[in-house]
Amino acid sequence: QVQLEESGGGSVQAGGSLRLSCAASRYTYSNYLMGWFRQAPGKEREGVAVIDGGSTTYADSVKGRFAISKDNAKSTLNLQMNSLKPEDTAIYYCAADPSIQYVWRGGNRYLKLPKMMTYWGKGTLVSISS
């Protein structure tokens, strides 16, 4: 059974930073695609960022502001969020999936940001005030 547990949500003012973490089993951490999704009030859940080894992919809305990373010693997935905006307010979910897909564009291979993942954490609330 895949278990994911998020931590690190909270409330900050616009322009501030937060760091989310997700604890997973060693097997999940090492073998599954892992990532962060979010769901804002009244909106559909959307992908934020995913990571597979050294490859990462971000949603356009967070590029240059968010950074996804892995802490191999702790089997922990992290999301550093900087320059936060009110529109970043949402419940953030850690997610994992055994399927890892890449796409080819212009002769280069890119990690695909999927629309849905198989396993989910319970979520952590991030609230950004203006």
N, C-alpha and C. Protein backbone atom coordinates (compact mmCIF):
# COMPACT_ATOMS: atom_id res chain seq x y z
N GLN A 1 0.85 -1.19 0.00
CA GLN A 1 0.00 0.00 0.00
C GLN A 1 0.88 1.24 0.00
N VAL A 2 0.58 2.14 -0.89
CA VAL A 2 1.36 3.37 -1.00
C VAL A 2 0.79 4.41 -0.06
N GLN A 3 1.63 4.91 0.82
CA GLN A 3 1.20 5.95 1.75
C GLN A 3 2.06 7.18 1.56
N LEU A 4 1.40 8.31 1.49
CA LEU A 4 2.06 9.59 1.29
C LEU A 4 1.54 10.55 2.35
N GLU A 5 2.44 11.27 2.99
CA GLU A 5 2.03 12.19 4.04
C GLU A 5 2.69 13.54 3.85
N GLU A 6 1.86 14.56 3.61
CA GLU A 6 2.37 15.91 3.40
C GLU A 6 2.54 16.66 4.72
N SER A 7 3.43 17.64 4.68
CA SER A 7 3.58 18.57 5.79
C SER A 7 4.11 19.89 5.24
N GLY A 8 3.95 20.95 6.03
CA GLY A 8 4.55 22.22 5.65
C GLY A 8 3.61 23.27 5.13
N GLY A 9 2.33 23.01 5.02
CA GLY A 9 1.41 24.04 4.55
C GLY A 9 1.26 25.15 5.58
N GLY A 10 0.57 26.21 5.19
CA GLY A 10 0.35 27.31 6.11
C GLY A 10 -0.14 28.55 5.39
N SER A 11 -0.08 29.67 6.09
CA SER A 11 -0.55 30.95 5.54
C SER A 11 0.59 31.94 5.53
N VAL A 12 0.78 32.59 4.39
CA VAL A 12 1.79 33.64 4.26
C VAL A 12 1.23 34.75 3.39
N GLN A 13 1.90 35.89 3.42
CA GLN A 13 1.51 36.99 2.56
C GLN A 13 2.11 36.80 1.17
N ALA A 14 1.50 37.47 0.21
CA ALA A 14 2.02 37.43 -1.16
C ALA A 14 3.49 37.84 -1.18
N GLY A 15 4.26 37.12 -1.97
CA GLY A 15 5.69 37.38 -2.05
C GLY A 15 6.51 36.51 -1.11
N GLY A 16 5.84 35.85 -0.20
CA GLY A 16 6.52 35.00 0.76
C GLY A 16 6.85 33.63 0.22
N SER A 17 7.36 32.78 1.10
CA SER A 17 7.80 31.43 0.71
C SER A 17 7.25 30.39 1.67
N LEU A 18 7.07 29.20 1.15
CA LEU A 18 6.72 28.04 1.95
C LEU A 18 7.42 26.82 1.37
N ARG A 19 7.62 25.84 2.22
CA ARG A 19 8.25 24.59 1.76
C ARG A 19 7.37 23.43 2.19
N LEU A 20 6.95 22.64 1.23
CA LEU A 20 6.14 21.46 1.50
C LEU A 20 7.03 20.23 1.44
N SER A 21 6.69 19.25 2.26
CA SER A 21 7.41 17.98 2.25
C SER A 21 6.41 16.83 2.20
N CYS A 22 6.87 15.71 1.65
CA CYS A 22 6.02 14.53 1.54
C CYS A 22 6.87 13.31 1.88
N ALA A 23 6.45 12.57 2.90
CA ALA A 23 7.15 11.35 3.29
C ALA A 23 6.53 10.16 2.57
N ALA A 24 7.40 9.30 2.04
CA ALA A 24 6.94 8.11 1.32
C ALA A 24 7.84 6.94 1.69
N SER A 25 7.38 5.75 1.36
CA SER A 25 8.22 4.58 1.58
C SER A 25 9.41 4.62 0.63
N ARG A 26 10.45 3.90 1.00
CA ARG A 26 11.64 3.88 0.15
C ARG A 26 11.31 3.34 -1.24
N TYR A 27 10.46 2.31 -1.31
CA TYR A 27 10.13 1.72 -2.60
C TYR A 27 9.39 2.72 -3.49
N THR A 28 8.39 3.37 -2.92
CA THR A 28 7.64 4.36 -3.68
C THR A 28 8.56 5.47 -4.15
N TYR A 29 9.34 5.97 -3.23
CA TYR A 29 10.22 7.09 -3.51
C TYR A 29 11.19 6.77 -4.65
N SER A 30 11.68 5.53 -4.67
CA SER A 30 12.72 5.17 -5.63
C SER A 30 12.18 4.71 -6.97
N ASN A 31 10.93 4.23 -7.01
CA ASN A 31 10.45 3.58 -8.23
C ASN A 31 9.27 4.27 -8.91
N TYR A 32 8.63 5.19 -8.22
CA TYR A 32 7.44 5.80 -8.77
C TYR A 32 7.72 7.24 -9.21
N LEU A 33 6.94 7.68 -10.17
CA LEU A 33 6.89 9.10 -10.47
C LEU A 33 6.28 9.80 -9.26
N MET A 34 6.88 10.86 -8.80
CA MET A 34 6.33 11.59 -7.66
C MET A 34 6.13 13.05 -8.03
N GLY A 35 5.12 13.65 -7.42
CA GLY A 35 4.86 15.03 -7.78
C GLY A 35 3.90 15.72 -6.84
N TRP A 36 3.61 16.96 -7.18
CA TRP A 36 2.68 17.78 -6.41
C TRP A 36 1.56 18.25 -7.33
N PHE A 37 0.35 18.17 -6.80
CA PHE A 37 -0.83 18.69 -7.45
C PHE A 37 -1.50 19.66 -6.49
N ARG A 38 -2.42 20.47 -7.01
CA ARG A 38 -3.16 21.37 -6.13
C ARG A 38 -4.58 21.53 -6.62
N GLN A 39 -5.45 21.87 -5.69
CA GLN A 39 -6.84 22.13 -6.03
C GLN A 39 -7.32 23.36 -5.29
N ALA A 40 -7.63 24.38 -6.05
CA ALA A 40 -8.14 25.62 -5.49
C ALA A 40 -9.66 25.52 -5.36
N PRO A 41 -10.26 26.32 -4.48
CA PRO A 41 -11.71 26.28 -4.31
C PRO A 41 -12.45 26.50 -5.63
N GLY A 42 -13.35 25.60 -5.96
CA GLY A 42 -14.14 25.73 -7.16
C GLY A 42 -13.44 25.38 -8.45
N LYS A 43 -12.22 24.86 -8.33
CA LYS A 43 -11.46 24.51 -9.54
C LYS A 43 -11.08 23.04 -9.54
N GLU A 44 -10.68 22.55 -10.70
CA GLU A 44 -10.23 21.18 -10.81
C GLU A 44 -8.81 21.04 -10.28
N ARG A 45 -8.50 19.83 -9.87
CA ARG A 45 -7.14 19.55 -9.42
C ARG A 45 -6.19 19.67 -10.62
N GLU A 46 -5.04 20.28 -10.39
CA GLU A 46 -4.09 20.46 -11.48
C GLU A 46 -2.69 20.07 -11.04
N GLY A 47 -1.90 19.63 -12.00
CA GLY A 47 -0.52 19.29 -11.72
C GLY A 47 0.33 20.52 -11.52
N VAL A 48 1.22 20.45 -10.55
CA VAL A 48 2.14 21.56 -10.25
C VAL A 48 3.54 21.22 -10.73
N ALA A 49 4.04 20.07 -10.31
CA ALA A 49 5.39 19.66 -10.68
C ALA A 49 5.55 18.17 -10.43
N VAL A 50 6.39 17.53 -11.25
CA VAL A 50 6.72 16.13 -11.05
C VAL A 50 8.22 15.93 -11.20
N ILE A 51 8.72 14.82 -10.66
CA ILE A 51 10.15 14.55 -10.71
C ILE A 51 10.39 13.06 -10.90
N ASP A 52 11.38 12.76 -11.74
CA ASP A 52 11.81 11.38 -11.96
C ASP A 52 13.33 11.42 -12.10
N GLY A 53 14.02 10.96 -11.09
CA GLY A 53 15.47 11.03 -11.12
C GLY A 53 15.90 12.49 -11.22
N GLY A 54 16.65 12.82 -12.24
CA GLY A 54 17.09 14.20 -12.42
C GLY A 54 16.19 15.03 -13.29
N SER A 55 15.08 14.46 -13.75
CA SER A 55 14.15 15.18 -14.64
C SER A 55 13.00 15.77 -13.85
N THR A 56 12.68 17.00 -14.18
CA THR A 56 11.55 17.68 -13.55
C THR A 56 10.71 18.38 -14.61
N THR A 57 9.44 18.53 -14.30
CA THR A 57 8.54 19.29 -15.17
C THR A 57 7.61 20.10 -14.30
N TYR A 58 7.35 21.34 -14.73
CA TYR A 58 6.52 22.25 -13.95
C TYR A 58 5.35 22.77 -14.79
N ALA A 59 4.28 23.08 -14.11
CA ALA A 59 3.20 23.81 -14.75
C ALA A 59 3.70 25.21 -15.09
N ASP A 60 3.20 25.76 -16.18
CA ASP A 60 3.65 27.09 -16.60
C ASP A 60 3.43 28.14 -15.51
N SER A 61 2.37 27.99 -14.75
CA SER A 61 2.01 28.98 -13.74
C SER A 61 2.99 29.07 -12.58
N VAL A 62 3.85 28.05 -12.42
CA VAL A 62 4.77 28.07 -11.28
C VAL A 62 6.23 28.06 -11.69
N LYS A 63 6.50 28.00 -13.00
CA LYS A 63 7.88 27.96 -13.47
C LYS A 63 8.65 29.18 -12.98
N GLY A 64 9.85 28.94 -12.49
CA GLY A 64 10.69 30.02 -12.01
C GLY A 64 10.41 30.42 -10.57
N ARG A 65 9.32 29.91 -9.99
CA ARG A 65 8.97 30.25 -8.61
C ARG A 65 9.01 29.03 -7.69
N PHE A 66 8.65 27.88 -8.21
CA PHE A 66 8.61 26.66 -7.41
C PHE A 66 9.75 25.74 -7.83
N ALA A 67 10.22 24.94 -6.88
CA ALA A 67 11.26 23.96 -7.17
C ALA A 67 10.95 22.65 -6.47
N ILE A 68 10.86 21.58 -7.25
CA ILE A 68 10.61 20.26 -6.70
C ILE A 68 11.94 19.54 -6.54
N SER A 69 12.09 18.79 -5.46
CA SER A 69 13.34 18.09 -5.22
C SER A 69 13.09 16.87 -4.36
N LYS A 70 14.10 16.02 -4.32
CA LYS A 70 14.04 14.81 -3.50
C LYS A 70 15.19 14.81 -2.50
N ASP A 71 14.89 14.37 -1.28
CA ASP A 71 15.91 14.17 -0.26
C ASP A 71 16.10 12.67 -0.14
N ASN A 72 17.15 12.17 -0.78
CA ASN A 72 17.34 10.72 -0.85
C ASN A 72 17.57 10.09 0.52
N ALA A 73 18.21 10.80 1.41
CA ALA A 73 18.51 10.25 2.73
C ALA A 73 17.23 10.02 3.54
N LYS A 74 16.21 10.85 3.28
CA LYS A 74 14.97 10.77 4.06
C LYS A 74 13.80 10.21 3.28
N SER A 75 14.00 9.85 2.01
CA SER A 75 12.90 9.41 1.14
C SER A 75 11.77 10.43 1.17
N THR A 76 12.12 11.68 1.04
CA THR A 76 11.17 12.78 1.15
C THR A 76 11.15 13.60 -0.13
N LEU A 77 9.95 13.92 -0.56
CA LEU A 77 9.74 14.80 -1.70
C LEU A 77 9.47 16.20 -1.18
N ASN A 78 10.10 17.20 -1.78
CA ASN A 78 9.93 18.57 -1.32
C ASN A 78 9.43 19.48 -2.44
N LEU A 79 8.77 20.55 -2.03
CA LEU A 79 8.37 21.59 -2.97
C LEU A 79 8.66 22.94 -2.31
N GLN A 80 9.67 23.62 -2.82
CA GLN A 80 10.00 24.96 -2.35
C GLN A 80 9.20 25.95 -3.18
N MET A 81 8.40 26.76 -2.50
CA MET A 81 7.54 27.71 -3.19
C MET A 81 7.95 29.12 -2.81
N ASN A 82 8.40 29.87 -3.78
CA ASN A 82 8.83 31.26 -3.57
C ASN A 82 7.94 32.23 -4.35
N SER A 83 8.02 33.48 -4.00
CA SER A 83 7.24 34.53 -4.68
C SER A 83 5.78 34.12 -4.81
N LEU A 84 5.23 33.69 -3.70
CA LEU A 84 3.86 33.17 -3.72
C LEU A 84 2.84 34.27 -4.02
N LYS A 85 1.80 33.84 -4.73
CA LYS A 85 0.74 34.75 -5.15
C LYS A 85 -0.59 34.28 -4.56
N PRO A 86 -1.55 35.17 -4.42
CA PRO A 86 -2.87 34.74 -3.91
C PRO A 86 -3.46 33.61 -4.74
N GLU A 87 -3.20 33.59 -6.02
CA GLU A 87 -3.74 32.52 -6.88
C GLU A 87 -3.07 31.16 -6.65
N ASP A 88 -2.05 31.13 -5.83
CA ASP A 88 -1.44 29.86 -5.44
C ASP A 88 -2.19 29.20 -4.28
N THR A 89 -3.15 29.91 -3.73
CA THR A 89 -3.94 29.36 -2.63
C THR A 89 -4.68 28.11 -3.08
N ALA A 90 -4.48 27.02 -2.35
CA ALA A 90 -5.08 25.74 -2.73
C ALA A 90 -4.71 24.69 -1.69
N ILE A 91 -5.33 23.54 -1.80
CA ILE A 91 -4.86 22.37 -1.08
C ILE A 91 -3.84 21.68 -1.98
N TYR A 92 -2.68 21.45 -1.44
CA TYR A 92 -1.60 20.82 -2.19
C TYR A 92 -1.50 19.35 -1.82
N TYR A 93 -1.44 18.51 -2.84
CA TYR A 93 -1.40 17.07 -2.65
C TYR A 93 -0.10 16.49 -3.17
N CYS A 94 0.49 15.63 -2.36
CA CYS A 94 1.60 14.82 -2.82
C CYS A 94 1.00 13.63 -3.57
N ALA A 95 1.62 13.22 -4.67
CA ALA A 95 1.07 12.14 -5.47
C ALA A 95 2.19 11.25 -6.01
N ALA A 96 1.81 10.01 -6.29
CA ALA A 96 2.78 9.07 -6.85
C ALA A 96 2.08 8.18 -7.87
N ASP A 97 2.84 7.72 -8.84
CA ASP A 97 2.28 6.86 -9.88
C ASP A 97 3.36 5.94 -10.41
N PRO A 98 3.02 4.66 -10.63
CA PRO A 98 4.03 3.73 -11.16
C PRO A 98 4.37 3.99 -12.63
N SER A 99 3.51 4.72 -13.32
CA SER A 99 3.75 5.02 -14.74
C SER A 99 4.53 6.32 -14.89
N ILE A 100 5.63 6.24 -15.61
CA ILE A 100 6.46 7.42 -15.83
C ILE A 100 6.57 7.61 -17.34
N GLN A 101 6.08 8.73 -17.83
CA GLN A 101 6.04 8.96 -19.27
C GLN A 101 6.89 10.16 -19.66
N TYR A 102 7.53 10.01 -20.78
CA TYR A 102 8.32 11.09 -21.35
C TYR A 102 7.77 11.43 -22.74
N VAL A 103 7.95 12.66 -23.13
CA VAL A 103 7.57 13.08 -24.47
C VAL A 103 8.79 13.64 -25.17
N TRP A 104 8.76 13.55 -26.49
CA TRP A 104 9.88 14.05 -27.29
C TRP A 104 9.46 15.30 -28.04
N ARG A 105 10.28 16.33 -27.88
CA ARG A 105 10.03 17.58 -28.61
C ARG A 105 11.35 18.14 -29.08
N GLY A 106 11.45 18.39 -30.37
CA GLY A 106 12.67 18.99 -30.89
C GLY A 106 13.91 18.16 -30.64
N GLY A 107 13.72 16.83 -30.59
CA GLY A 107 14.87 15.97 -30.39
C GLY A 107 15.27 15.79 -28.93
N ASN A 108 14.54 16.44 -28.03
CA ASN A 108 14.83 16.32 -26.59
C ASN A 108 13.70 15.58 -25.88
N ARG A 109 14.08 14.91 -24.81
CA ARG A 109 13.10 14.14 -24.04
C ARG A 109 12.70 14.93 -22.79
N TYR A 110 11.38 15.03 -22.58
CA TYR A 110 10.87 15.78 -21.44
C TYR A 110 9.95 14.89 -20.63
N LEU A 111 10.07 15.02 -19.30
CA LEU A 111 9.18 14.30 -18.41
C LEU A 111 7.77 14.88 -18.53
N LYS A 112 6.79 14.01 -18.71
CA LYS A 112 5.42 14.46 -18.89
C LYS A 112 4.77 14.75 -17.54
N LEU A 113 4.06 15.88 -17.46
CA LEU A 113 3.27 16.20 -16.28
C LEU A 113 1.88 15.62 -16.51
N PRO A 114 1.53 14.53 -15.80
CA PRO A 114 0.26 13.88 -16.08
C PRO A 114 -0.92 14.67 -15.52
N LYS A 115 -2.09 14.37 -16.05
CA LYS A 115 -3.31 15.03 -15.55
C LYS A 115 -3.80 14.38 -14.27
N MET A 116 -3.39 13.15 -14.03
CA MET A 116 -3.87 12.42 -12.86
C MET A 116 -2.79 11.44 -12.42
N MET A 117 -2.78 11.15 -11.12
CA MET A 117 -1.86 10.16 -10.57
C MET A 117 -2.70 9.11 -9.83
N THR A 118 -2.06 8.00 -9.48
CA THR A 118 -2.78 6.90 -8.86
C THR A 118 -2.91 7.03 -7.35
N TYR A 119 -1.85 7.46 -6.71
CA TYR A 119 -1.84 7.50 -5.25
C TYR A 119 -1.72 8.94 -4.76
N TRP A 120 -2.44 9.22 -3.67
CA TRP A 120 -2.52 10.60 -3.18
C TRP A 120 -2.34 10.67 -1.68
N GLY A 121 -1.74 11.76 -1.22
CA GLY A 121 -1.75 12.08 0.18
C GLY A 121 -3.06 12.76 0.52
N LYS A 122 -3.22 13.14 1.78
CA LYS A 122 -4.48 13.77 2.23
C LYS A 122 -4.53 15.26 1.91
N GLY A 123 -3.39 15.84 1.63
CA GLY A 123 -3.35 17.24 1.26
C GLY A 123 -2.99 18.15 2.41
N THR A 124 -2.43 19.30 2.06
CA THR A 124 -2.10 20.32 3.04
C THR A 124 -2.49 21.68 2.47
N LEU A 125 -3.08 22.53 3.31
CA LEU A 125 -3.61 23.80 2.84
C LEU A 125 -2.53 24.86 2.77
N VAL A 126 -2.46 25.54 1.64
CA VAL A 126 -1.59 26.69 1.45
C VAL A 126 -2.48 27.89 1.16
N SER A 127 -2.35 28.93 2.00
CA SER A 127 -3.19 30.11 1.86
C SER A 127 -2.31 31.34 1.74
N ILE A 128 -2.49 32.08 0.65
CA ILE A 128 -1.69 33.26 0.39
C ILE A 128 -2.59 34.50 0.40
N SER A 129 -2.25 35.44 1.26
CA SER A 129 -3.05 36.67 1.36
C SER A 129 -2.36 37.80 0.60
N SER A 130 -3.18 38.70 0.09
CA SER A 130 -2.64 39.82 -0.70
C SER A 130 -2.28 41.00 0.18
